[in-house]
Amino acid sequence: MMNQIGIKEAQEKVDQWIKKYGVRYFNELTNMAILTEEVGEVARIISRKYGEQSFKESDKEVDLADEMADVLWVLMCLANQTGVDLNEAFQKNLEKKTERDMYRHKNNEKL
């Protein structure tokens, strides 16, 4: 079993990997396009596995976890490039959602 790491350490590992093996970061617009592509790959798997579309023969070997990790990787690249501490941002976002939605979902009759 692999050691689990937190968001901050993961961001640091991405940065170290880019500097060691990746030569440099792709520019922010390129990474935004790559992020969109990776999210599309996750959507493709979800629509086939849980939705109404069927897998093509070429899609049979897809790995949802790996595709989600690709999304996370590129998101961390963008965060590193733009100076965003995702650990801090996530904590603030969780607090915002908790304050805003503390009762909203519990009071939603549709849920």
Protein backbone atom coordinates (compact mmCIF):
# COMPACT_ATOMS: atom_id res chain seq x y z
CA MET A 1 0.00 0.00 0.00
CA MET A 2 1.31 3.44 -0.92
CA ASN A 3 1.79 6.17 1.63
CA GLN A 4 -1.02 8.69 1.63
CA ILE A 5 -0.07 12.31 1.17
CA GLY A 6 -1.92 15.55 1.72
CA ILE A 7 -2.76 18.21 -0.82
CA LYS A 8 0.19 20.44 0.08
CA GLU A 9 2.68 17.60 -0.27
CA ALA A 10 1.07 16.48 -3.52
CA GLN A 11 1.45 19.99 -4.95
CA GLU A 12 5.13 19.94 -3.93
CA LYS A 13 5.64 16.52 -5.53
CA VAL A 14 4.11 17.74 -8.81
CA ASP A 15 6.44 20.75 -8.76
CA GLN A 16 9.48 18.56 -8.06
CA TRP A 17 8.50 16.15 -10.85
CA ILE A 18 8.02 18.98 -13.36
CA LYS A 19 11.42 20.44 -12.49
CA LYS A 20 13.16 17.04 -12.67
CA TYR A 21 11.44 15.35 -15.62
CA GLY A 22 9.16 17.84 -17.31
CA VAL A 23 11.74 20.50 -18.16
CA ARG A 24 9.18 23.24 -17.35
CA TYR A 25 5.46 23.76 -16.89
CA PHE A 26 3.36 24.14 -20.01
CA ASN A 27 1.94 27.66 -20.00
CA GLU A 28 -1.29 28.30 -18.14
CA LEU A 29 -3.49 28.34 -21.23
CA THR A 30 -2.05 25.05 -22.45
CA ASN A 31 -2.61 23.50 -19.03
CA MET A 32 -6.18 24.83 -18.99
CA ALA A 33 -6.78 23.09 -22.31
CA ILE A 34 -5.19 19.90 -20.96
CA LEU A 35 -7.36 20.10 -17.83
CA THR A 36 -10.46 20.40 -20.01
CA GLU A 37 -9.32 17.38 -22.03
CA GLU A 38 -8.71 15.32 -18.88
CA VAL A 39 -12.12 16.25 -17.42
CA GLY A 40 -13.61 15.17 -20.74
CA GLU A 41 -11.94 11.78 -20.39
CA VAL A 42 -13.46 11.37 -16.92
CA ALA A 43 -16.86 12.39 -18.32
CA ARG A 44 -16.51 9.83 -21.13
CA ILE A 45 -15.91 7.01 -18.65
CA ILE A 46 -18.71 8.11 -16.32
CA SER A 47 -21.19 8.41 -19.20
CA ARG A 48 -20.39 4.89 -20.32
CA LYS A 49 -20.03 3.19 -16.96
CA TYR A 50 -22.91 4.88 -15.12
CA GLY A 51 -24.85 6.52 -17.94
CA GLU A 52 -26.64 5.26 -20.98
CA GLN A 53 -23.76 5.18 -23.45
CA SER A 54 -21.93 1.94 -24.16
CA PHE A 55 -18.20 1.34 -24.28
CA LYS A 56 -16.47 0.96 -27.61
CA GLU A 57 -13.87 -1.79 -27.89
CA SER A 58 -11.15 0.88 -27.69
CA ASP A 59 -12.66 2.15 -24.39
CA LYS A 60 -12.68 -1.20 -22.58
CA GLU A 61 -9.34 -0.71 -20.83
CA VAL A 62 -10.02 2.73 -19.36
CA ASP A 63 -9.18 3.43 -15.73
CA LEU A 64 -11.42 5.97 -13.99
CA ALA A 65 -9.06 6.40 -11.03
CA ASP A 66 -6.12 7.12 -13.32
CA GLU A 67 -8.13 9.66 -15.31
CA MET A 68 -9.23 11.39 -12.10
CA ALA A 69 -5.58 11.50 -11.01
CA ASP A 70 -4.73 13.14 -14.35
CA VAL A 71 -7.31 15.86 -13.59
CA LEU A 72 -5.80 16.36 -10.14
CA TRP A 73 -2.28 16.50 -11.59
CA VAL A 74 -3.08 19.24 -14.10
CA LEU A 75 -5.09 21.17 -11.51
CA MET A 76 -2.05 21.08 -9.24
CA CYS A 77 0.14 22.29 -12.09
CA LEU A 78 -2.17 25.26 -12.58
CA ALA A 79 -2.26 25.93 -8.86
CA ASN A 80 1.54 25.90 -8.69
CA GLN A 81 1.81 28.22 -11.68
CA THR A 82 -0.69 30.73 -10.33
CA GLY A 83 0.45 30.69 -6.70
CA VAL A 84 -2.62 28.95 -5.31
CA ASP A 85 -2.18 26.87 -2.16
CA LEU A 86 -4.85 24.23 -2.79
CA ASN A 87 -4.73 23.03 0.81
CA GLU A 88 -5.59 26.50 2.09
CA ALA A 89 -8.09 27.09 -0.72
CA PHE A 90 -9.86 23.81 0.03
CA GLN A 91 -10.12 24.62 3.74
CA LYS A 92 -11.58 28.05 2.99
CA ASN A 93 -13.96 26.57 0.43
CA LEU A 94 -15.16 23.93 2.89
CA GLU A 95 -15.82 26.62 5.50
CA LYS A 96 -17.71 28.72 2.93
CA LYS A 97 -19.85 25.77 1.84
CA THR A 98 -20.56 24.77 5.44
CA GLU A 99 -21.65 28.27 6.40
CA ARG A 100 -23.72 28.78 3.24
CA ASP A 101 -25.25 25.32 2.95
CA MET A 102 -25.49 24.14 6.56
CA TYR A 103 -29.25 23.62 6.27
CA ARG A 104 -29.87 24.12 2.56
CA HIS A 105 -29.54 20.49 1.50
CA LYS A 106 -31.22 19.07 4.58
CA ASN A 107 -34.21 21.33 3.87
CA ASN A 108 -34.36 20.45 0.17
CA GLU A 109 -37.46 18.31 -0.34
CA LYS A 110 -35.99 16.97 -3.59
CA LEU A 111 -33.23 15.27 -1.62
